[in-house]
């Protein structure tokens, strides 16, 4: 089981239970990955803001058999303000969904991540 440090944009989240959820992250080196998080749904959790959609964060992940689990996350940039206007939110959601659609695992997504962030 190895530890990986990587930067990425959270594309979306899927709750599994009260304490567990999957997040889709677009990274520069690993392409699009799914990461399982534990306890990050609570507001008091230190990783709460870093794993929300539209968050560009630095992640420390553990990897076992191709599955990634979140150890720690640090928020670098939050694009939460896009949710203040419906039109802006719709456009940002569209851009994120296109990035999700065209990205693959194990692809070099440096240019796609840069384009999506800008």
C-alpha atoms as a PDB file:
ATOM      1  CA  UNK A   1       0.000   0.000   0.000  1.00  0.00           C
ATOM      2  CA  UNK A   2       1.613   3.219  -1.201  1.00  0.00           C
ATOM      3  CA  UNK A   3       1.003   6.850  -0.415  1.00  0.00           C
ATOM      4  CA  UNK A   4       0.483   9.371  -3.222  1.00  0.00           C
ATOM      5  CA  UNK A   5       0.511  13.172  -3.089  1.00  0.00           C
ATOM      6  CA  UNK A   6      -1.373  14.758  -5.970  1.00  0.00           C
ATOM      7  CA  UNK A   7      -3.299  17.905  -6.924  1.00  0.00           C
ATOM      8  CA  UNK A   8      -6.729  17.729  -8.461  1.00  0.00           C
ATOM      9  CA  UNK A   9     -10.131  19.272  -9.097  1.00  0.00           C
ATOM     10  CA  UNK A  10     -13.134  17.601  -7.481  1.00  0.00           C
ATOM     11  CA  UNK A  11     -15.646  16.936 -10.266  1.00  0.00           C
ATOM     12  CA  UNK A  12     -18.402  15.413  -8.158  1.00  0.00           C
ATOM     13  CA  UNK A  13     -19.367  13.337  -5.148  1.00  0.00           C
ATOM     14  CA  UNK A  14     -21.557  10.309  -4.552  1.00  0.00           C
ATOM     15  CA  UNK A  15     -22.675   9.547  -0.988  1.00  0.00           C
ATOM     16  CA  UNK A  16     -22.506   5.883  -0.035  1.00  0.00           C
ATOM     17  CA  UNK A  17     -23.497   6.131   3.621  1.00  0.00           C
ATOM     18  CA  UNK A  18     -23.592   8.753   6.374  1.00  0.00           C
ATOM     19  CA  UNK A  19     -19.859   8.414   6.893  1.00  0.00           C
ATOM     20  CA  UNK A  20     -18.564   7.438   3.445  1.00  0.00           C
ATOM     21  CA  UNK A  21     -18.630   8.847  -0.093  1.00  0.00           C
ATOM     22  CA  UNK A  22     -16.869   8.606  -3.439  1.00  0.00           C
ATOM     23  CA  UNK A  23     -15.426  11.704  -5.050  1.00  0.00           C
ATOM     24  CA  UNK A  24     -14.334  12.001  -8.688  1.00  0.00           C
ATOM     25  CA  UNK A  25     -11.095  13.924  -9.019  1.00  0.00           C
ATOM     26  CA  UNK A  26      -9.438  15.186 -12.196  1.00  0.00           C
ATOM     27  CA  UNK A  27      -5.691  15.050 -11.620  1.00  0.00           C
ATOM     28  CA  UNK A  28      -2.846  16.102 -13.846  1.00  0.00           C
ATOM     29  CA  UNK A  29      -0.838  12.856 -13.714  1.00  0.00           C
ATOM     30  CA  UNK A  30      -3.393  10.114 -13.028  1.00  0.00           C
ATOM     31  CA  UNK A  31      -6.265  11.454 -15.108  1.00  0.00           C
ATOM     32  CA  UNK A  32      -9.713  11.007 -13.595  1.00  0.00           C
ATOM     33  CA  UNK A  33      -9.766   8.900 -10.427  1.00  0.00           C
ATOM     34  CA  UNK A  34     -12.367   7.839  -7.885  1.00  0.00           C
ATOM     35  CA  UNK A  35     -11.424   8.330  -4.254  1.00  0.00           C
ATOM     36  CA  UNK A  36     -13.267   6.953  -1.263  1.00  0.00           C
ATOM     37  CA  UNK A  37     -13.496   9.277   1.734  1.00  0.00           C
ATOM     38  CA  UNK A  38     -14.498   8.486   5.292  1.00  0.00           C
ATOM     39  CA  UNK A  39     -15.989  11.066   7.645  1.00  0.00           C
ATOM     40  CA  UNK A  40     -15.555  14.001   5.256  1.00  0.00           C
ATOM     41  CA  UNK A  41     -19.300  14.750   5.156  1.00  0.00           C
ATOM     42  CA  UNK A  42     -19.281  16.364   8.581  1.00  0.00           C
ATOM     43  CA  UNK A  43     -18.802  20.128   8.720  1.00  0.00           C
ATOM     44  CA  UNK A  44     -16.286  19.772  11.561  1.00  0.00           C
ATOM     45  CA  UNK A  45     -14.044  17.456   9.506  1.00  0.00           C
ATOM     46  CA  UNK A  46     -10.761  19.060   8.439  1.00  0.00           C
ATOM     47  CA  UNK A  47     -11.185  17.742   4.872  1.00  0.00           C
ATOM     48  CA  UNK A  48     -14.755  19.013   4.456  1.00  0.00           C
ATOM     49  CA  UNK A  49     -14.065  21.988   2.153  1.00  0.00           C
ATOM     50  CA  UNK A  50     -11.272  20.273   0.221  1.00  0.00           C
ATOM     51  CA  UNK A  51     -13.484  17.422  -1.050  1.00  0.00           C
ATOM     52  CA  UNK A  52     -16.489  19.456  -2.173  1.00  0.00           C
ATOM     53  CA  UNK A  53     -17.232  19.808  -5.910  1.00  0.00           C
ATOM     54  CA  UNK A  54     -15.526  22.796  -7.561  1.00  0.00           C
ATOM     55  CA  UNK A  55     -12.572  22.532  -5.136  1.00  0.00           C
ATOM     56  CA  UNK A  56      -8.980  22.398  -6.335  1.00  0.00           C
ATOM     57  CA  UNK A  57      -7.049  20.624  -3.605  1.00  0.00           C
ATOM     58  CA  UNK A  58      -3.873  18.801  -2.714  1.00  0.00           C
ATOM     59  CA  UNK A  59      -4.610  15.186  -1.787  1.00  0.00           C
ATOM     60  CA  UNK A  60      -2.671  12.559   0.102  1.00  0.00           C
ATOM     61  CA  UNK A  61      -4.063   9.190  -0.936  1.00  0.00           C
ATOM     62  CA  UNK A  62      -3.340   5.607  -0.108  1.00  0.00           C
ATOM     63  CA  UNK A  63      -3.489   3.228  -3.053  1.00  0.00           C
ATOM     64  CA  UNK A  64      -4.167  -0.480  -2.928  1.00  0.00           C
ATOM     65  CA  UNK A  65      -4.972  -2.587  -5.988  1.00  0.00           C
ATOM     66  CA  UNK A  66      -5.891   0.467  -8.043  1.00  0.00           C
ATOM     67  CA  UNK A  67      -8.342   1.821  -5.422  1.00  0.00           C
ATOM     68  CA  UNK A  68      -7.647   5.178  -3.767  1.00  0.00           C
ATOM     69  CA  UNK A  69      -8.567   6.168  -0.217  1.00  0.00           C
ATOM     70  CA  UNK A  70      -8.251   9.718   1.118  1.00  0.00           C
ATOM     71  CA  UNK A  71      -5.802  10.186   3.958  1.00  0.00           C
ATOM     72  CA  UNK A  72      -5.656  13.974   3.975  1.00  0.00           C
ATOM     73  CA  UNK A  73      -6.678  16.916   1.791  1.00  0.00           C
ATOM     74  CA  UNK A  74      -5.747  20.578   1.751  1.00  0.00           C
ATOM     75  CA  UNK A  75      -7.827  23.153  -0.102  1.00  0.00           C
ATOM     76  CA  UNK A  76      -5.830  25.223  -2.579  1.00  0.00           C
ATOM     77  CA  UNK A  77      -8.615  27.086  -4.396  1.00  0.00           C
ATOM     78  CA  UNK A  78     -12.359  26.966  -3.913  1.00  0.00           C
ATOM     79  CA  UNK A  79     -14.705  27.811  -6.743  1.00  0.00           C
ATOM     80  CA  UNK A  80     -17.696  27.778  -4.400  1.00  0.00           C
ATOM     81  CA  UNK A  81     -18.651  31.329  -5.417  1.00  0.00           C
ATOM     82  CA  UNK A  82     -19.915  30.012  -8.756  1.00  0.00           C
ATOM     83  CA  UNK A  83     -22.969  28.731  -6.874  1.00  0.00           C
ATOM     84  CA  UNK A  84     -24.066  32.281  -6.015  1.00  0.00           C
ATOM     85  CA  UNK A  85     -25.541  32.797  -9.497  1.00  0.00           C
ATOM     86  CA  UNK A  86     -27.679  30.177 -11.266  1.00  0.00           C
ATOM     87  CA  UNK A  87     -26.285  30.926 -14.730  1.00  0.00           C
ATOM     88  CA  UNK A  88     -22.699  30.742 -13.522  1.00  0.00           C
ATOM     89  CA  UNK A  89     -23.412  27.522 -11.646  1.00  0.00           C
ATOM     90  CA  UNK A  90     -25.017  25.981 -14.739  1.00  0.00           C
ATOM     91  CA  UNK A  91     -22.020  26.915 -16.892  1.00  0.00           C
ATOM     92  CA  UNK A  92     -19.515  25.643 -14.314  1.00  0.00           C
ATOM     93  CA  UNK A  93     -21.464  22.394 -13.959  1.00  0.00           C
ATOM     94  CA  UNK A  94     -21.449  21.993 -17.730  1.00  0.00           C
ATOM     95  CA  UNK A  95     -17.687  22.572 -17.937  1.00  0.00           C
ATOM     96  CA  UNK A  96     -17.058  20.056 -15.149  1.00  0.00           C
ATOM     97  CA  UNK A  97     -19.338  17.477 -16.785  1.00  0.00           C
ATOM     98  CA  UNK A  98     -17.495  17.875 -20.119  1.00  0.00           C
ATOM     99  CA  UNK A  99     -14.149  17.439 -18.339  1.00  0.00           C
ATOM    100  CA  UNK A 100     -15.564  14.353 -16.630  1.00  0.00           C
ATOM    101  CA  UNK A 101     -16.797  12.949 -19.959  1.00  0.00           C
ATOM    102  CA  UNK A 102     -13.574  13.450 -21.952  1.00  0.00           C
ATOM    103  CA  UNK A 103     -11.104  12.395 -19.247  1.00  0.00           C
ATOM    104  CA  UNK A 104      -9.922   8.841 -18.626  1.00  0.00           C
ATOM    105  CA  UNK A 105      -7.993   7.054 -15.938  1.00  0.00           C
ATOM    106  CA  UNK A 106      -4.215   6.840 -16.385  1.00  0.00           C
ATOM    107  CA  UNK A 107      -4.164   9.658 -18.960  1.00  0.00           C
ATOM    108  CA  UNK A 108      -1.964  12.717 -18.715  1.00  0.00           C
ATOM    109  CA  UNK A 109      -4.653  15.344 -18.075  1.00  0.00           C
ATOM    110  CA  UNK A 110      -2.376  18.320 -17.410  1.00  0.00           C
ATOM    111  CA  UNK A 111      -3.805  20.419 -20.246  1.00  0.00           C
ATOM    112  CA  UNK A 112      -7.418  19.422 -19.562  1.00  0.00           C
ATOM    113  CA  UNK A 113      -7.047  20.259 -15.865  1.00  0.00           C
ATOM    114  CA  UNK A 114      -5.508  23.628 -16.702  1.00  0.00           C
ATOM    115  CA  UNK A 115      -8.264  24.399 -19.213  1.00  0.00           C
ATOM    116  CA  UNK A 116     -10.996  23.365 -16.739  1.00  0.00           C
ATOM    117  CA  UNK A 117      -9.526  25.460 -13.930  1.00  0.00           C
ATOM    118  CA  UNK A 118      -9.304  28.549 -16.138  1.00  0.00           C
END
